[in-house]
């Protein structure tokens, strides 16, 4: 899925006065993120922990609020579904170190599950407890979503995963028995 640049929301007018502080500063909340996702035409669900999640074919992005009121953090955390093995970790670390050096977000790391499979996770965070400019919040969130999509494309290209997917024989083709 690609995001059309014209879908970047323009909230126009004034934000909700209950959420507005001095000079257009807002304390973002889940309703604001839902509104943003709807304007970006992204489907989302609310998970069992109350976090928003936007699913794509090979990954899902979570929009989370954590922490105490004046130290609250907003994070976009992306879980990439492609499984790797523990033996793949050195190759993955080399690739994501390159990504992390060259880009601002998402910062990507590996996570090893209990079953031994390794997954990639991307994350970007913003301190919002004392408020943040509405335009800054919106543009950062949109940029983070776009970067999460771009990382998925980049890792496929960088690790040669496209070729692997394209070169797999169809069921029944090329079976050597």
C-alpha atoms as a PDB file:
ATOM      1  CA  UNK A   1       0.000   0.000   0.000  1.00  0.00           C
ATOM      2  CA  UNK A   2       1.336   3.422  -0.797  1.00  0.00           C
ATOM      3  CA  UNK A   3       0.131   6.667   0.650  1.00  0.00           C
ATOM      4  CA  UNK A   4      -0.861   9.332  -1.811  1.00  0.00           C
ATOM      5  CA  UNK A   5       0.872  12.600  -0.842  1.00  0.00           C
ATOM      6  CA  UNK A   6      -2.426  14.418  -1.344  1.00  0.00           C
ATOM      7  CA  UNK A   7      -3.870  12.347   1.498  1.00  0.00           C
ATOM      8  CA  UNK A   8      -1.762  14.211   4.050  1.00  0.00           C
ATOM      9  CA  UNK A   9      -4.462  15.649   6.238  1.00  0.00           C
ATOM     10  CA  UNK A  10      -5.248  19.290   6.552  1.00  0.00           C
ATOM     11  CA  UNK A  11      -7.110  19.623   9.806  1.00  0.00           C
ATOM     12  CA  UNK A  12      -7.934  23.250   8.960  1.00  0.00           C
ATOM     13  CA  UNK A  13      -9.480  25.611  11.442  1.00  0.00           C
ATOM     14  CA  UNK A  14      -8.809  25.284  15.124  1.00  0.00           C
ATOM     15  CA  UNK A  15      -8.344  21.989  16.955  1.00  0.00           C
ATOM     16  CA  UNK A  16     -10.742  20.980  19.702  1.00  0.00           C
ATOM     17  CA  UNK A  17     -10.523  23.761  22.346  1.00  0.00           C
ATOM     18  CA  UNK A  18     -10.364  21.158  25.135  1.00  0.00           C
ATOM     19  CA  UNK A  19      -7.170  19.783  23.561  1.00  0.00           C
ATOM     20  CA  UNK A  20      -5.635  23.132  22.648  1.00  0.00           C
ATOM     21  CA  UNK A  21      -3.006  24.938  24.658  1.00  0.00           C
ATOM     22  CA  UNK A  22      -1.077  28.115  23.925  1.00  0.00           C
ATOM     23  CA  UNK A  23      -0.263  28.809  20.261  1.00  0.00           C
ATOM     24  CA  UNK A  24      -1.959  25.716  18.795  1.00  0.00           C
ATOM     25  CA  UNK A  25      -0.315  23.267  21.189  1.00  0.00           C
ATOM     26  CA  UNK A  26      -2.315  20.060  21.667  1.00  0.00           C
ATOM     27  CA  UNK A  27      -2.051  17.027  23.886  1.00  0.00           C
ATOM     28  CA  UNK A  28      -2.539  14.292  21.258  1.00  0.00           C
ATOM     29  CA  UNK A  29      -4.870  11.438  22.073  1.00  0.00           C
ATOM     30  CA  UNK A  30      -6.228   8.331  20.405  1.00  0.00           C
ATOM     31  CA  UNK A  31      -9.180  10.190  18.876  1.00  0.00           C
ATOM     32  CA  UNK A  32      -6.793  12.567  17.094  1.00  0.00           C
ATOM     33  CA  UNK A  33      -4.807   9.595  15.745  1.00  0.00           C
ATOM     34  CA  UNK A  34      -8.030   7.894  14.586  1.00  0.00           C
ATOM     35  CA  UNK A  35      -9.011  11.081  12.763  1.00  0.00           C
ATOM     36  CA  UNK A  36      -5.575  11.236  11.141  1.00  0.00           C
ATOM     37  CA  UNK A  37      -5.716   7.560  10.056  1.00  0.00           C
ATOM     38  CA  UNK A  38      -9.191   8.070   8.607  1.00  0.00           C
ATOM     39  CA  UNK A  39      -8.009  11.101   6.642  1.00  0.00           C
ATOM     40  CA  UNK A  40      -5.073   9.037   5.353  1.00  0.00           C
ATOM     41  CA  UNK A  41      -7.651   6.377   4.378  1.00  0.00           C
ATOM     42  CA  UNK A  42      -5.930   3.740   6.494  1.00  0.00           C
ATOM     43  CA  UNK A  43      -7.921   0.975   8.126  1.00  0.00           C
ATOM     44  CA  UNK A  44      -7.277   0.426  11.806  1.00  0.00           C
ATOM     45  CA  UNK A  45      -8.428  -1.646  14.744  1.00  0.00           C
ATOM     46  CA  UNK A  46      -8.162  -1.236  18.494  1.00  0.00           C
ATOM     47  CA  UNK A  47      -6.326  -4.199  20.040  1.00  0.00           C
ATOM     48  CA  UNK A  48      -6.957  -5.892  23.404  1.00  0.00           C
ATOM     49  CA  UNK A  49      -4.603  -3.439  25.149  1.00  0.00           C
ATOM     50  CA  UNK A  50      -6.470  -0.449  23.720  1.00  0.00           C
ATOM     51  CA  UNK A  51      -3.796   0.509  21.168  1.00  0.00           C
ATOM     52  CA  UNK A  52      -4.608   1.457  17.593  1.00  0.00           C
ATOM     53  CA  UNK A  53      -3.168  -0.846  14.962  1.00  0.00           C
ATOM     54  CA  UNK A  54      -3.101  -0.313  11.186  1.00  0.00           C
ATOM     55  CA  UNK A  55      -2.479  -3.584   9.314  1.00  0.00           C
ATOM     56  CA  UNK A  56      -0.667  -3.978   6.001  1.00  0.00           C
ATOM     57  CA  UNK A  57      -0.020  -7.254   4.181  1.00  0.00           C
ATOM     58  CA  UNK A  58       3.437  -7.923   5.701  1.00  0.00           C
ATOM     59  CA  UNK A  59       3.454  -5.704   8.788  1.00  0.00           C
ATOM     60  CA  UNK A  60       1.298  -3.736  11.189  1.00  0.00           C
ATOM     61  CA  UNK A  61       1.849  -0.364  12.803  1.00  0.00           C
ATOM     62  CA  UNK A  62       0.710   0.377  16.348  1.00  0.00           C
ATOM     63  CA  UNK A  63      -0.026   3.884  17.610  1.00  0.00           C
ATOM     64  CA  UNK A  64       0.549   3.875  21.361  1.00  0.00           C
ATOM     65  CA  UNK A  65       0.414   6.308  24.253  1.00  0.00           C
ATOM     66  CA  UNK A  66       2.565   5.406  27.276  1.00  0.00           C
ATOM     67  CA  UNK A  67       3.657   7.003  30.519  1.00  0.00           C
ATOM     68  CA  UNK A  68       2.399   9.431  33.119  1.00  0.00           C
ATOM     69  CA  UNK A  69       0.541  12.600  32.168  1.00  0.00           C
ATOM     70  CA  UNK A  70       3.426  15.107  32.016  1.00  0.00           C
ATOM     71  CA  UNK A  71       5.913  12.497  30.723  1.00  0.00           C
ATOM     72  CA  UNK A  72       3.595  10.797  28.241  1.00  0.00           C
ATOM     73  CA  UNK A  73       5.115   9.421  25.049  1.00  0.00           C
ATOM     74  CA  UNK A  74       3.448   8.768  21.720  1.00  0.00           C
ATOM     75  CA  UNK A  75       5.066   5.952  19.758  1.00  0.00           C
ATOM     76  CA  UNK A  76       4.511   4.382  16.369  1.00  0.00           C
ATOM     77  CA  UNK A  77       5.856   0.837  16.576  1.00  0.00           C
ATOM     78  CA  UNK A  78       5.861  -1.331  13.455  1.00  0.00           C
ATOM     79  CA  UNK A  79       6.040  -5.119  13.648  1.00  0.00           C
ATOM     80  CA  UNK A  80       7.293  -6.698  10.440  1.00  0.00           C
ATOM     81  CA  UNK A  81       5.853 -10.198   9.968  1.00  0.00           C
ATOM     82  CA  UNK A  82       8.605 -11.739   7.824  1.00  0.00           C
ATOM     83  CA  UNK A  83      10.300 -14.402  10.008  1.00  0.00           C
ATOM     84  CA  UNK A  84      14.062 -14.881  10.132  1.00  0.00           C
ATOM     85  CA  UNK A  85      16.217 -17.391  11.989  1.00  0.00           C
ATOM     86  CA  UNK A  86      18.753 -16.761  14.731  1.00  0.00           C
ATOM     87  CA  UNK A  87      21.426 -17.589  12.135  1.00  0.00           C
ATOM     88  CA  UNK A  88      20.150 -14.589  10.104  1.00  0.00           C
ATOM     89  CA  UNK A  89      20.799 -12.131  12.952  1.00  0.00           C
ATOM     90  CA  UNK A  90      24.329 -11.040  11.906  1.00  0.00           C
ATOM     91  CA  UNK A  91      23.072 -10.276   8.386  1.00  0.00           C
ATOM     92  CA  UNK A  92      20.016  -8.480   9.789  1.00  0.00           C
ATOM     93  CA  UNK A  93      22.125  -6.445  12.212  1.00  0.00           C
ATOM     94  CA  UNK A  94      24.407  -5.335   9.408  1.00  0.00           C
ATOM     95  CA  UNK A  95      21.455  -4.273   7.262  1.00  0.00           C
ATOM     96  CA  UNK A  96      19.510  -2.476   9.993  1.00  0.00           C
ATOM     97  CA  UNK A  97      22.675  -0.774  11.291  1.00  0.00           C
ATOM     98  CA  UNK A  98      23.023   0.695   7.792  1.00  0.00           C
ATOM     99  CA  UNK A  99      19.368   1.803   7.829  1.00  0.00           C
ATOM    100  CA  UNK A 100      19.656   3.286  11.341  1.00  0.00           C
ATOM    101  CA  UNK A 101      22.804   5.237  10.390  1.00  0.00           C
ATOM    102  CA  UNK A 102      21.262   6.710   7.250  1.00  0.00           C
ATOM    103  CA  UNK A 103      17.717   7.496   8.393  1.00  0.00           C
ATOM    104  CA  UNK A 104      16.004   9.268  11.274  1.00  0.00           C
ATOM    105  CA  UNK A 105      13.110   6.844  11.636  1.00  0.00           C
ATOM    106  CA  UNK A 106      11.938   4.315  12.215  1.00  0.00           C
ATOM    107  CA  UNK A 107      14.824   3.039  14.275  1.00  0.00           C
ATOM    108  CA  UNK A 108      14.761  -0.714  13.669  1.00  0.00           C
ATOM    109  CA  UNK A 109      15.877  -3.570  15.895  1.00  0.00           C
ATOM    110  CA  UNK A 110      15.522  -7.342  16.080  1.00  0.00           C
ATOM    111  CA  UNK A 111      13.374  -9.324  18.500  1.00  0.00           C
ATOM    112  CA  UNK A 112      13.810 -13.047  19.063  1.00  0.00           C
ATOM    113  CA  UNK A 113      10.546 -14.804  19.923  1.00  0.00           C
ATOM    114  CA  UNK A 114      10.228 -17.738  22.320  1.00  0.00           C
ATOM    115  CA  UNK A 115      10.009 -20.114  19.324  1.00  0.00           C
ATOM    116  CA  UNK A 116      13.414 -18.910  18.086  1.00  0.00           C
ATOM    117  CA  UNK A 117      12.082 -16.898  15.152  1.00  0.00           C
ATOM    118  CA  UNK A 118      13.475 -13.411  14.694  1.00  0.00           C
ATOM    119  CA  UNK A 119      11.360 -10.426  13.661  1.00  0.00           C
ATOM    120  CA  UNK A 120      12.169  -6.824  12.868  1.00  0.00           C
ATOM    121  CA  UNK A 121      10.522  -3.976  14.767  1.00  0.00           C
ATOM    122  CA  UNK A 122      10.625  -0.297  13.854  1.00  0.00           C
ATOM    123  CA  UNK A 123       9.891   2.509  16.275  1.00  0.00           C
ATOM    124  CA  UNK A 124       9.614   6.283  16.446  1.00  0.00           C
ATOM    125  CA  UNK A 125       8.664   8.239  19.579  1.00  0.00           C
ATOM    126  CA  UNK A 126       7.658  11.725  20.608  1.00  0.00           C
ATOM    127  CA  UNK A 127       7.343  13.227  24.093  1.00  0.00           C
ATOM    128  CA  UNK A 128       3.853  14.758  24.196  1.00  0.00           C
ATOM    129  CA  UNK A 129       3.121  15.186  27.901  1.00  0.00           C
ATOM    130  CA  UNK A 130       3.448  18.962  27.927  1.00  0.00           C
ATOM    131  CA  UNK A 131       1.857  19.341  24.508  1.00  0.00           C
ATOM    132  CA  UNK A 132       3.061  19.549  20.937  1.00  0.00           C
ATOM    133  CA  UNK A 133       2.171  21.657  17.913  1.00  0.00           C
ATOM    134  CA  UNK A 134      -0.667  20.080  15.966  1.00  0.00           C
ATOM    135  CA  UNK A 135       1.124  20.454  12.619  1.00  0.00           C
ATOM    136  CA  UNK A 136       4.288  18.895  14.066  1.00  0.00           C
ATOM    137  CA  UNK A 137       2.333  15.958  15.478  1.00  0.00           C
ATOM    138  CA  UNK A 138       0.475  15.334  12.206  1.00  0.00           C
ATOM    139  CA  UNK A 139       3.502  15.678   9.940  1.00  0.00           C
ATOM    140  CA  UNK A 140       5.651  13.494  12.211  1.00  0.00           C
ATOM    141  CA  UNK A 141       3.031  10.747  12.402  1.00  0.00           C
ATOM    142  CA  UNK A 142       2.483  10.775   8.621  1.00  0.00           C
ATOM    143  CA  UNK A 143       6.261  10.709   8.055  1.00  0.00           C
ATOM    144  CA  UNK A 144       6.680   7.800  10.451  1.00  0.00           C
ATOM    145  CA  UNK A 145       3.992   5.778   8.673  1.00  0.00           C
ATOM    146  CA  UNK A 146       5.584   6.495   5.300  1.00  0.00           C
ATOM    147  CA  UNK A 147       9.030   5.577   6.625  1.00  0.00           C
ATOM    148  CA  UNK A 148       7.669   2.283   8.001  1.00  0.00           C
ATOM    149  CA  UNK A 149       6.371   1.456   4.534  1.00  0.00           C
ATOM    150  CA  UNK A 150       9.662   2.507   2.947  1.00  0.00           C
ATOM    151  CA  UNK A 151      11.656   0.365   5.382  1.00  0.00           C
ATOM    152  CA  UNK A 152       9.660  -2.707   4.349  1.00  0.00           C
ATOM    153  CA  UNK A 153      10.452  -2.014   0.687  1.00  0.00           C
ATOM    154  CA  UNK A 154      14.099  -1.257   1.510  1.00  0.00           C
ATOM    155  CA  UNK A 155      14.681  -4.450   3.514  1.00  0.00           C
ATOM    156  CA  UNK A 156      13.143  -6.578   0.749  1.00  0.00           C
ATOM    157  CA  UNK A 157      15.446  -4.939  -1.787  1.00  0.00           C
ATOM    158  CA  UNK A 158      18.540  -4.914   0.429  1.00  0.00           C
ATOM    159  CA  UNK A 159      18.263  -8.550   1.498  1.00  0.00           C
ATOM    160  CA  UNK A 160      17.198  -9.778  -1.939  1.00  0.00           C
ATOM    161  CA  UNK A 161      13.868 -11.067  -0.645  1.00  0.00           C
ATOM    162  CA  UNK A 162      11.987 -10.025  -3.799  1.00  0.00           C
ATOM    163  CA  UNK A 163      14.046 -12.420  -5.874  1.00  0.00           C
ATOM    164  CA  UNK A 164      13.380 -15.214  -3.379  1.00  0.00           C
ATOM    165  CA  UNK A 165       9.631 -14.650  -3.577  1.00  0.00           C
ATOM    166  CA  UNK A 166       9.658 -14.411  -7.378  1.00  0.00           C
ATOM    167  CA  UNK A 167      11.885 -17.446  -7.892  1.00  0.00           C
ATOM    168  CA  UNK A 168       9.891 -19.860  -5.749  1.00  0.00           C
ATOM    169  CA  UNK A 169       8.336 -22.481  -8.012  1.00  0.00           C
ATOM    170  CA  UNK A 170       4.604 -22.706  -8.156  1.00  0.00           C
ATOM    171  CA  UNK A 171       3.114 -25.696  -6.399  1.00  0.00           C
ATOM    172  CA  UNK A 172       3.843 -28.790  -8.451  1.00  0.00           C
ATOM    173  CA  UNK A 173       6.482 -27.034 -10.597  1.00  0.00           C
ATOM    174  CA  UNK A 174      10.126 -27.926 -10.311  1.00  0.00           C
ATOM    175  CA  UNK A 175       9.601 -30.651  -7.733  1.00  0.00           C
ATOM    176  CA  UNK A 176      12.509 -32.996  -7.693  1.00  0.00           C
ATOM    177  CA  UNK A 177      11.674 -36.166  -6.054  1.00  0.00           C
END
